[in-house]
């Protein structure tokens, strides 16, 4: 090879850098999307928890009200308001099963949102590692071009392969965790 001539493999550095940059860009966007999804699910979990707490509070309030009315019925069985009190106690007790179902349903929804958000964060973490590995591959390819070191170029390819492997693993994790 003439003095100053570039080695033939040096042309592949640009290709490797371009491919790894494209992969890194995609991984960055996907990671941001997963983060946004996890934040949304966290917000939904908070909303579901609030709704569950509200339903339980209403359930308890109705229980207390019903008990007060039932006590009034027991202490004054000959009250002229006996029919109204009996009707009120029945209405309060009849509302309770629906409130309990709402409260437990919202608590279950909260748990599901938290679980799904955790899955997305786990996938995002893997994609962040994949993106980091691809960036290392880009850096090594750039160093290889500057130093004309084929060994460093191969190390860059290796880092890129690790990044692609981590990306594939993250996607397989996503498919395994999908409902």
N, C-alpha and C. Protein backbone atom coordinates (compact mmCIF):
# COMPACT_ATOMS: atom_id res chain seq x y z
N UNK A 1 0.86 -1.17 0.00
CA UNK A 1 0.00 0.00 0.00
C UNK A 1 0.91 1.23 0.00
N UNK A 2 0.62 2.20 -0.87
CA UNK A 2 1.45 3.40 -0.93
C UNK A 2 1.35 4.20 0.38
N UNK A 3 2.42 4.95 0.67
CA UNK A 3 2.45 5.78 1.86
C UNK A 3 1.32 6.80 1.78
N UNK A 4 0.57 6.93 2.90
CA UNK A 4 -0.52 7.90 2.96
C UNK A 4 -1.83 7.36 2.42
N UNK A 5 -1.82 6.21 1.76
CA UNK A 5 -3.06 5.63 1.24
C UNK A 5 -3.86 5.02 2.39
N UNK A 6 -5.14 5.17 2.31
CA UNK A 6 -6.01 4.64 3.36
C UNK A 6 -6.18 3.14 3.17
N UNK A 7 -6.18 2.38 4.28
CA UNK A 7 -6.44 0.96 4.17
C UNK A 7 -7.86 0.72 3.65
N UNK A 8 -8.06 -0.40 2.99
CA UNK A 8 -9.37 -0.67 2.37
C UNK A 8 -10.49 -0.77 3.40
N UNK A 9 -10.21 -1.27 4.58
CA UNK A 9 -11.25 -1.42 5.60
C UNK A 9 -11.72 -0.08 6.15
N UNK A 10 -10.92 0.98 5.94
CA UNK A 10 -11.26 2.29 6.47
C UNK A 10 -12.57 2.83 5.87
N UNK A 11 -12.89 2.40 4.66
CA UNK A 11 -14.15 2.83 4.04
C UNK A 11 -15.35 2.27 4.81
N UNK A 12 -15.15 1.16 5.47
CA UNK A 12 -16.25 0.53 6.21
C UNK A 12 -16.54 1.25 7.53
N UNK A 13 -15.59 2.07 7.98
CA UNK A 13 -15.80 2.80 9.22
C UNK A 13 -17.01 3.72 9.09
N UNK A 14 -17.13 4.41 7.97
CA UNK A 14 -18.28 5.31 7.77
C UNK A 14 -19.59 4.54 7.77
N UNK A 15 -19.58 3.37 7.14
CA UNK A 15 -20.78 2.54 7.11
C UNK A 15 -21.16 2.09 8.52
N UNK A 16 -20.17 1.60 9.28
CA UNK A 16 -20.44 1.17 10.65
C UNK A 16 -20.94 2.33 11.49
N UNK A 17 -20.31 3.48 11.36
CA UNK A 17 -20.71 4.65 12.13
C UNK A 17 -22.14 5.05 11.78
N UNK A 18 -22.48 5.05 10.51
CA UNK A 18 -23.83 5.41 10.08
C UNK A 18 -24.88 4.44 10.60
N UNK A 19 -24.60 3.16 10.50
CA UNK A 19 -25.56 2.15 10.97
C UNK A 19 -25.75 2.27 12.50
N UNK A 20 -24.63 2.38 13.21
CA UNK A 20 -24.74 2.48 14.67
C UNK A 20 -25.40 3.78 15.10
N UNK A 21 -25.17 4.86 14.37
CA UNK A 21 -25.83 6.13 14.69
C UNK A 21 -27.34 6.02 14.47
N UNK A 22 -27.74 5.35 13.40
CA UNK A 22 -29.17 5.15 13.14
C UNK A 22 -29.80 4.30 14.24
N UNK A 23 -29.12 3.24 14.62
CA UNK A 23 -29.62 2.39 15.71
C UNK A 23 -29.71 3.19 17.00
N UNK A 24 -28.68 3.97 17.30
CA UNK A 24 -28.68 4.79 18.52
C UNK A 24 -29.83 5.78 18.53
N UNK A 25 -30.08 6.40 17.39
CA UNK A 25 -31.19 7.34 17.29
C UNK A 25 -32.52 6.67 17.55
N UNK A 26 -32.71 5.51 16.93
CA UNK A 26 -33.95 4.76 17.16
C UNK A 26 -34.09 4.39 18.63
N UNK A 27 -33.00 3.90 19.22
CA UNK A 27 -33.05 3.49 20.63
C UNK A 27 -33.36 4.66 21.55
N UNK A 28 -32.87 5.82 21.22
CA UNK A 28 -33.15 7.02 22.01
C UNK A 28 -34.64 7.36 21.95
N UNK A 29 -35.20 7.32 20.75
CA UNK A 29 -36.62 7.63 20.59
C UNK A 29 -37.48 6.58 21.29
N UNK A 30 -37.14 5.31 21.11
CA UNK A 30 -37.91 4.23 21.75
C UNK A 30 -37.82 4.33 23.27
N UNK A 31 -36.63 4.63 23.78
CA UNK A 31 -36.45 4.78 25.23
C UNK A 31 -37.30 5.92 25.77
N UNK A 32 -37.33 7.02 25.04
CA UNK A 32 -38.15 8.17 25.47
C UNK A 32 -39.63 7.79 25.46
N UNK A 33 -40.06 7.05 24.46
CA UNK A 33 -41.45 6.61 24.38
C UNK A 33 -41.80 5.71 25.56
N UNK A 34 -40.91 4.78 25.87
CA UNK A 34 -41.15 3.88 27.01
C UNK A 34 -41.19 4.66 28.33
N UNK A 35 -40.33 5.66 28.46
CA UNK A 35 -40.34 6.49 29.66
C UNK A 35 -41.66 7.24 29.77
N UNK A 36 -42.12 7.81 28.66
CA UNK A 36 -43.40 8.52 28.67
C UNK A 36 -44.55 7.58 29.01
N UNK A 37 -44.51 6.36 28.45
CA UNK A 37 -45.55 5.37 28.77
C UNK A 37 -45.54 5.05 30.26
N UNK A 38 -44.36 4.87 30.83
CA UNK A 38 -44.24 4.55 32.26
C UNK A 38 -44.77 5.70 33.12
N UNK A 39 -44.48 6.93 32.72
CA UNK A 39 -44.98 8.10 33.45
C UNK A 39 -46.51 8.14 33.37
N UNK A 40 -47.05 7.90 32.18
CA UNK A 40 -48.50 7.88 32.01
C UNK A 40 -49.12 6.81 32.92
N UNK A 41 -48.52 5.63 32.92
CA UNK A 41 -49.07 4.54 33.74
C UNK A 41 -48.95 4.86 35.23
N UNK A 42 -47.90 5.53 35.61
CA UNK A 42 -47.77 5.95 37.00
C UNK A 42 -48.87 6.93 37.36
N UNK A 43 -49.15 7.86 36.47
CA UNK A 43 -50.24 8.82 36.70
C UNK A 43 -51.59 8.11 36.79
N UNK A 44 -51.79 7.12 35.92
CA UNK A 44 -53.03 6.36 35.95
C UNK A 44 -53.14 5.57 37.25
N UNK A 45 -52.02 5.05 37.74
CA UNK A 45 -52.02 4.31 39.01
C UNK A 45 -52.39 5.24 40.16
N UNK A 46 -51.87 6.45 40.13
CA UNK A 46 -52.20 7.43 41.17
C UNK A 46 -53.69 7.77 41.12
N UNK A 47 -54.21 7.97 39.91
CA UNK A 47 -55.63 8.26 39.75
C UNK A 47 -56.49 7.09 40.25
N UNK A 48 -56.11 5.87 39.88
CA UNK A 48 -56.86 4.69 40.34
C UNK A 48 -56.80 4.56 41.85
N UNK A 49 -55.64 4.85 42.44
CA UNK A 49 -55.51 4.79 43.90
C UNK A 49 -56.41 5.82 44.56
N UNK A 50 -56.46 7.01 44.00
CA UNK A 50 -57.33 8.06 44.54
C UNK A 50 -58.79 7.65 44.44
N UNK A 51 -59.17 7.09 43.30
CA UNK A 51 -60.56 6.65 43.12
C UNK A 51 -60.90 5.50 44.07
N UNK A 52 -59.95 4.60 44.28
CA UNK A 52 -60.15 3.50 45.22
C UNK A 52 -60.32 4.05 46.64
N UNK A 53 -59.46 4.98 47.01
CA UNK A 53 -59.55 5.58 48.35
C UNK A 53 -60.87 6.31 48.54
N UNK A 54 -61.30 7.02 47.50
CA UNK A 54 -62.58 7.72 47.58
C UNK A 54 -63.74 6.74 47.77
N UNK A 55 -63.70 5.65 47.02
CA UNK A 55 -64.78 4.66 47.12
C UNK A 55 -64.78 4.01 48.51
N UNK A 56 -63.59 3.71 49.03
CA UNK A 56 -63.52 3.13 50.39
C UNK A 56 -64.02 4.13 51.42
N UNK A 57 -63.66 5.39 51.26
CA UNK A 57 -64.12 6.41 52.20
C UNK A 57 -65.64 6.52 52.18
N UNK A 58 -66.21 6.48 50.97
CA UNK A 58 -67.67 6.55 50.86
C UNK A 58 -68.31 5.29 51.47
N UNK A 59 -67.69 4.14 51.22
CA UNK A 59 -68.17 2.89 51.80
C UNK A 59 -68.19 2.98 53.32
N UNK A 60 -67.10 3.47 53.89
CA UNK A 60 -67.01 3.59 55.34
C UNK A 60 -68.00 4.61 55.89
N UNK A 61 -68.16 5.71 55.16
CA UNK A 61 -69.11 6.73 55.61
C UNK A 61 -70.53 6.16 55.59
N UNK A 62 -70.87 5.44 54.54
CA UNK A 62 -72.20 4.82 54.48
C UNK A 62 -72.37 3.79 55.59
N UNK A 63 -71.31 3.07 55.89
CA UNK A 63 -71.37 2.08 56.96
C UNK A 63 -71.65 2.75 58.31
N UNK A 64 -70.95 3.85 58.55
CA UNK A 64 -71.16 4.59 59.81
C UNK A 64 -72.57 5.16 59.85
N UNK A 65 -73.00 5.78 58.74
CA UNK A 65 -74.35 6.35 58.70
C UNK A 65 -75.40 5.26 58.93
N UNK A 66 -75.22 4.11 58.25
CA UNK A 66 -76.18 3.01 58.41
C UNK A 66 -76.21 2.53 59.85
N UNK A 67 -75.05 2.45 60.46
CA UNK A 67 -74.99 1.99 61.85
C UNK A 67 -75.68 2.98 62.79
N UNK A 68 -75.51 4.25 62.54
CA UNK A 68 -76.19 5.28 63.35
C UNK A 68 -77.71 5.15 63.20
N UNK A 69 -78.15 4.99 61.94
CA UNK A 69 -79.59 4.85 61.69
C UNK A 69 -80.11 3.56 62.33
N UNK A 70 -79.37 2.47 62.19
CA UNK A 70 -79.78 1.19 62.78
C UNK A 70 -79.84 1.29 64.31
N UNK A 71 -78.91 2.01 64.88
CA UNK A 71 -78.92 2.22 66.33
C UNK A 71 -80.15 3.04 66.73
N UNK A 72 -80.46 4.04 65.94
CA UNK A 72 -81.65 4.86 66.21
C UNK A 72 -82.91 4.00 66.14
N UNK A 73 -82.96 3.06 65.20
CA UNK A 73 -84.11 2.17 65.07
C UNK A 73 -84.22 1.28 66.31
N UNK A 74 -83.07 0.76 66.76
CA UNK A 74 -83.08 -0.14 67.92
C UNK A 74 -83.44 0.58 69.22
N UNK A 75 -83.01 1.81 69.33
CA UNK A 75 -83.26 2.55 70.58
C UNK A 75 -84.66 3.16 70.61
N UNK A 76 -85.27 3.32 69.47
CA UNK A 76 -86.63 3.90 69.43
C UNK A 76 -87.49 3.10 68.46
N UNK A 77 -87.80 1.86 68.80
CA UNK A 77 -88.56 1.02 67.85
C UNK A 77 -89.97 1.52 67.57
N UNK A 78 -90.50 2.38 68.41
CA UNK A 78 -91.85 2.90 68.20
C UNK A 78 -91.85 4.31 67.63
N UNK A 79 -90.73 4.73 67.06
CA UNK A 79 -90.60 6.09 66.53
C UNK A 79 -91.54 6.28 65.35
N UNK A 80 -92.13 7.48 65.24
CA UNK A 80 -92.99 7.74 64.08
C UNK A 80 -92.19 7.75 62.76
N UNK A 81 -90.87 7.91 62.85
CA UNK A 81 -90.01 7.92 61.66
C UNK A 81 -89.42 6.54 61.36
N UNK A 82 -89.97 5.51 61.96
CA UNK A 82 -89.39 4.17 61.83
C UNK A 82 -89.31 3.72 60.37
N UNK A 83 -90.34 3.95 59.61
CA UNK A 83 -90.32 3.53 58.20
C UNK A 83 -89.24 4.28 57.42
N UNK A 84 -89.14 5.58 57.65
CA UNK A 84 -88.12 6.38 56.96
C UNK A 84 -86.72 5.96 57.36
N UNK A 85 -86.53 5.69 58.66
CA UNK A 85 -85.21 5.25 59.13
C UNK A 85 -84.85 3.87 58.55
N UNK A 86 -85.81 2.98 58.52
CA UNK A 86 -85.58 1.63 57.97
C UNK A 86 -85.22 1.73 56.48
N UNK A 87 -85.95 2.56 55.78
CA UNK A 87 -85.69 2.75 54.35
C UNK A 87 -84.28 3.34 54.14
N UNK A 88 -83.93 4.33 54.95
CA UNK A 88 -82.61 4.96 54.83
C UNK A 88 -81.49 3.96 55.13
N UNK A 89 -81.67 3.15 56.17
CA UNK A 89 -80.65 2.14 56.51
C UNK A 89 -80.49 1.15 55.37
N UNK A 90 -81.60 0.72 54.78
CA UNK A 90 -81.54 -0.23 53.67
C UNK A 90 -80.82 0.37 52.47
N UNK A 91 -81.14 1.63 52.14
CA UNK A 91 -80.49 2.30 51.01
C UNK A 91 -78.98 2.42 51.23
N UNK A 92 -78.59 2.77 52.44
CA UNK A 92 -77.16 2.89 52.75
C UNK A 92 -76.46 1.54 52.63
N UNK A 93 -77.08 0.49 53.15
CA UNK A 93 -76.47 -0.85 53.07
C UNK A 93 -76.46 -1.38 51.64
N UNK A 94 -77.48 -1.03 50.88
CA UNK A 94 -77.55 -1.50 49.48
C UNK A 94 -76.47 -0.88 48.60
N UNK A 95 -76.05 0.33 48.96
CA UNK A 95 -75.00 1.01 48.18
C UNK A 95 -73.62 0.41 48.42
N UNK A 96 -73.43 -0.21 49.56
CA UNK A 96 -72.10 -0.65 49.96
C UNK A 96 -71.45 -1.70 49.04
N UNK A 97 -72.15 -2.71 48.57
CA UNK A 97 -71.47 -3.69 47.70
C UNK A 97 -70.88 -3.07 46.43
N UNK A 98 -71.62 -2.15 45.83
CA UNK A 98 -71.12 -1.49 44.62
C UNK A 98 -69.88 -0.66 44.93
N UNK A 99 -69.91 0.02 46.07
CA UNK A 99 -68.75 0.83 46.47
C UNK A 99 -67.54 -0.06 46.75
N UNK A 100 -67.77 -1.19 47.40
CA UNK A 100 -66.67 -2.13 47.67
C UNK A 100 -66.09 -2.66 46.35
N UNK A 101 -66.97 -2.99 45.41
CA UNK A 101 -66.49 -3.48 44.11
C UNK A 101 -65.69 -2.41 43.37
N UNK A 102 -66.17 -1.18 43.43
CA UNK A 102 -65.44 -0.08 42.79
C UNK A 102 -64.07 0.09 43.44
N UNK A 103 -64.04 0.07 44.76
CA UNK A 103 -62.77 0.27 45.48
C UNK A 103 -61.78 -0.84 45.15
N UNK A 104 -62.22 -2.08 45.19
CA UNK A 104 -61.29 -3.19 44.91
C UNK A 104 -60.91 -3.22 43.43
N UNK A 105 -61.84 -2.85 42.56
CA UNK A 105 -61.52 -2.79 41.12
C UNK A 105 -60.48 -1.73 40.81
N UNK A 106 -60.63 -0.57 41.43
CA UNK A 106 -59.65 0.51 41.21
C UNK A 106 -58.30 0.15 41.81
N UNK A 107 -58.29 -0.56 42.94
CA UNK A 107 -57.02 -0.99 43.53
C UNK A 107 -56.33 -2.00 42.60
N UNK A 108 -57.11 -2.88 42.00
CA UNK A 108 -56.54 -3.85 41.05
C UNK A 108 -56.02 -3.13 39.81
N UNK A 109 -56.75 -2.12 39.35
CA UNK A 109 -56.29 -1.34 38.19
C UNK A 109 -54.99 -0.63 38.52
N UNK A 110 -54.89 -0.08 39.73
CA UNK A 110 -53.65 0.56 40.17
C UNK A 110 -52.49 -0.41 40.10
N UNK A 111 -52.69 -1.60 40.62
CA UNK A 111 -51.62 -2.60 40.61
C UNK A 111 -51.21 -2.97 39.19
N UNK A 112 -52.17 -3.07 38.30
CA UNK A 112 -51.88 -3.42 36.91
C UNK A 112 -51.11 -2.29 36.22
N UNK A 113 -51.51 -1.05 36.47
CA UNK A 113 -50.78 0.09 35.90
C UNK A 113 -49.33 0.11 36.39
N UNK A 114 -49.15 -0.13 37.68
CA UNK A 114 -47.79 -0.13 38.22
C UNK A 114 -46.96 -1.26 37.62
N UNK A 115 -47.56 -2.41 37.46
CA UNK A 115 -46.86 -3.55 36.87
C UNK A 115 -46.47 -3.26 35.42
N UNK A 116 -47.40 -2.73 34.65
CA UNK A 116 -47.12 -2.41 33.25
C UNK A 116 -46.06 -1.30 33.12
N UNK A 117 -46.13 -0.31 33.99
CA UNK A 117 -45.12 0.74 33.98
C UNK A 117 -43.74 0.19 34.29
N UNK A 118 -43.68 -0.73 35.25
CA UNK A 118 -42.40 -1.38 35.59
C UNK A 118 -41.84 -2.17 34.42
N UNK A 119 -42.71 -2.82 33.67
CA UNK A 119 -42.26 -3.57 32.49
C UNK A 119 -41.64 -2.63 31.46
N UNK A 120 -42.29 -1.52 31.25
CA UNK A 120 -41.77 -0.56 30.27
C UNK A 120 -40.43 0.02 30.72
N UNK A 121 -40.30 0.27 32.01
CA UNK A 121 -39.02 0.78 32.50
C UNK A 121 -37.92 -0.28 32.38
N UNK A 122 -38.26 -1.53 32.58
CA UNK A 122 -37.27 -2.60 32.43
C UNK A 122 -36.81 -2.69 30.98
N UNK A 123 -37.75 -2.59 30.05
CA UNK A 123 -37.39 -2.61 28.62
C UNK A 123 -36.55 -1.38 28.28
N UNK A 124 -36.94 -0.23 28.81
CA UNK A 124 -36.20 0.99 28.54
C UNK A 124 -34.76 0.88 29.04
N UNK A 125 -34.59 0.29 30.21
CA UNK A 125 -33.24 0.12 30.75
C UNK A 125 -32.37 -0.70 29.81
N UNK A 126 -32.92 -1.77 29.28
CA UNK A 126 -32.16 -2.60 28.33
C UNK A 126 -31.81 -1.80 27.08
N UNK A 127 -32.75 -1.00 26.61
CA UNK A 127 -32.49 -0.20 25.40
C UNK A 127 -31.45 0.88 25.66
N UNK A 128 -31.41 1.41 26.88
CA UNK A 128 -30.39 2.40 27.22
C UNK A 128 -29.01 1.75 27.16
N UNK A 129 -28.89 0.54 27.69
CA UNK A 129 -27.61 -0.19 27.61
C UNK A 129 -27.24 -0.48 26.16
N UNK A 130 -28.23 -0.82 25.36
CA UNK A 130 -27.97 -1.09 23.94
C UNK A 130 -27.49 0.18 23.25
N UNK A 131 -28.13 1.31 23.54
CA UNK A 131 -27.72 2.58 22.95
C UNK A 131 -26.32 2.98 23.38
N UNK A 132 -26.00 2.75 24.64
CA UNK A 132 -24.65 3.04 25.13
C UNK A 132 -23.62 2.19 24.38
N UNK A 133 -23.92 0.93 24.20
CA UNK A 133 -23.00 0.04 23.50
C UNK A 133 -22.81 0.49 22.05
N UNK A 134 -23.88 0.91 21.41
CA UNK A 134 -23.77 1.41 20.04
C UNK A 134 -22.93 2.69 20.00
N UNK A 135 -23.09 3.55 20.97
CA UNK A 135 -22.29 4.77 21.03
C UNK A 135 -20.80 4.45 21.23
N UNK A 136 -20.53 3.44 22.06
CA UNK A 136 -19.14 3.01 22.24
C UNK A 136 -18.60 2.49 20.90
N UNK A 137 -19.43 1.77 20.17
CA UNK A 137 -19.02 1.28 18.85
C UNK A 137 -18.67 2.43 17.91
N UNK A 138 -19.48 3.48 17.93
CA UNK A 138 -19.21 4.66 17.10
C UNK A 138 -17.89 5.30 17.51
N UNK A 139 -17.70 5.45 18.82
CA UNK A 139 -16.46 6.07 19.31
C UNK A 139 -15.24 5.24 18.90
N UNK A 140 -15.34 3.93 19.06
CA UNK A 140 -14.21 3.07 18.69
C UNK A 140 -13.95 3.11 17.18
N UNK A 141 -15.00 3.15 16.38
CA UNK A 141 -14.82 3.24 14.93
C UNK A 141 -14.14 4.56 14.57
N UNK A 142 -14.51 5.63 15.24
CA UNK A 142 -13.86 6.92 14.98
C UNK A 142 -12.39 6.89 15.37
N UNK A 143 -12.09 6.28 16.51
CA UNK A 143 -10.70 6.16 16.94
C UNK A 143 -9.93 5.29 15.95
N UNK A 144 -10.57 4.23 15.47
CA UNK A 144 -9.91 3.35 14.50
C UNK A 144 -9.57 4.12 13.23
N UNK A 145 -10.47 5.00 12.80
CA UNK A 145 -10.20 5.78 11.59
C UNK A 145 -9.03 6.74 11.81
N UNK A 146 -8.97 7.34 12.99
CA UNK A 146 -7.88 8.27 13.28
C UNK A 146 -6.54 7.57 13.43
N UNK A 147 -6.56 6.42 14.10
CA UNK A 147 -5.30 5.72 14.37
C UNK A 147 -4.98 4.66 13.32
N UNK A 148 -5.93 4.43 12.42
CA UNK A 148 -5.80 3.39 11.39
C UNK A 148 -5.49 2.03 12.02
N UNK A 149 -6.18 1.77 13.09
CA UNK A 149 -6.00 0.52 13.82
C UNK A 149 -7.18 -0.41 13.54
N UNK A 150 -6.89 -1.49 12.85
CA UNK A 150 -7.92 -2.47 12.53
C UNK A 150 -8.46 -3.13 13.80
N UNK A 151 -7.62 -3.34 14.78
CA UNK A 151 -8.04 -3.96 16.04
C UNK A 151 -9.10 -3.12 16.73
N UNK A 152 -8.89 -1.81 16.77
CA UNK A 152 -9.87 -0.92 17.39
C UNK A 152 -11.16 -0.92 16.57
N UNK A 153 -11.05 -1.01 15.25
CA UNK A 153 -12.23 -1.09 14.39
C UNK A 153 -13.03 -2.34 14.72
N UNK A 154 -12.36 -3.46 14.88
CA UNK A 154 -13.05 -4.71 15.23
C UNK A 154 -13.69 -4.61 16.61
N UNK A 155 -13.04 -3.91 17.52
CA UNK A 155 -13.63 -3.69 18.84
C UNK A 155 -14.91 -2.86 18.71
N UNK A 156 -14.88 -1.88 17.80
CA UNK A 156 -16.08 -1.07 17.53
C UNK A 156 -17.21 -1.92 16.96
N UNK A 157 -16.86 -2.83 16.05
CA UNK A 157 -17.87 -3.74 15.51
C UNK A 157 -18.43 -4.60 16.64
N UNK A 158 -17.55 -5.08 17.50
CA UNK A 158 -17.99 -5.90 18.63
C UNK A 158 -18.95 -5.15 19.53
N UNK A 159 -18.62 -3.90 19.83
CA UNK A 159 -19.50 -3.09 20.68
C UNK A 159 -20.85 -2.88 20.00
N UNK A 160 -20.82 -2.66 18.69
CA UNK A 160 -22.07 -2.51 17.95
C UNK A 160 -22.90 -3.77 17.97
N UNK A 161 -22.25 -4.92 17.83
CA UNK A 161 -22.96 -6.21 17.87
C UNK A 161 -23.59 -6.42 19.25
N UNK A 162 -22.84 -6.06 20.30
CA UNK A 162 -23.40 -6.17 21.66
C UNK A 162 -24.63 -5.28 21.78
N UNK A 163 -24.56 -4.07 21.24
CA UNK A 163 -25.70 -3.16 21.28
C UNK A 163 -26.91 -3.73 20.56
N UNK A 164 -26.68 -4.30 19.38
CA UNK A 164 -27.78 -4.90 18.62
C UNK A 164 -28.33 -6.10 19.39
N UNK A 165 -27.44 -6.88 20.00
CA UNK A 165 -27.90 -8.03 20.80
C UNK A 165 -28.76 -7.59 21.97
N UNK A 166 -28.35 -6.54 22.65
CA UNK A 166 -29.15 -6.02 23.77
C UNK A 166 -30.50 -5.48 23.28
N UNK A 167 -30.48 -4.87 22.12
CA UNK A 167 -31.73 -4.36 21.55
C UNK A 167 -32.67 -5.53 21.25
N UNK A 168 -32.16 -6.58 20.65
CA UNK A 168 -32.98 -7.75 20.35
C UNK A 168 -33.50 -8.37 21.65
N UNK A 169 -32.64 -8.44 22.65
CA UNK A 169 -33.06 -8.98 23.94
C UNK A 169 -34.19 -8.13 24.53
N UNK A 170 -34.06 -6.81 24.46
CA UNK A 170 -35.10 -5.92 25.00
C UNK A 170 -36.42 -6.13 24.27
N UNK A 171 -36.36 -6.30 22.95
CA UNK A 171 -37.58 -6.52 22.20
C UNK A 171 -38.19 -7.88 22.51
N UNK A 172 -37.34 -8.88 22.73
CA UNK A 172 -37.89 -10.19 23.10
C UNK A 172 -38.49 -10.12 24.50
N UNK A 173 -37.88 -9.34 25.37
CA UNK A 173 -38.43 -9.13 26.71
C UNK A 173 -39.80 -8.46 26.60
N UNK A 174 -39.91 -7.50 25.71
CA UNK A 174 -41.18 -6.80 25.48
C UNK A 174 -42.24 -7.79 25.01
N UNK A 175 -41.88 -8.67 24.09
CA UNK A 175 -42.83 -9.64 23.57
C UNK A 175 -43.24 -10.65 24.64
N UNK A 176 -42.30 -11.03 25.50
CA UNK A 176 -42.62 -11.97 26.58
C UNK A 176 -43.53 -11.34 27.62
N UNK A 177 -43.38 -10.05 27.86
CA UNK A 177 -44.14 -9.37 28.90
C UNK A 177 -45.48 -8.85 28.39
N UNK A 178 -45.65 -8.85 27.06
CA UNK A 178 -46.90 -8.32 26.51
C UNK A 178 -48.05 -9.23 26.91
N UNK A 179 -49.23 -8.62 27.14
CA UNK A 179 -50.39 -9.44 27.56
C UNK A 179 -50.87 -10.36 26.48
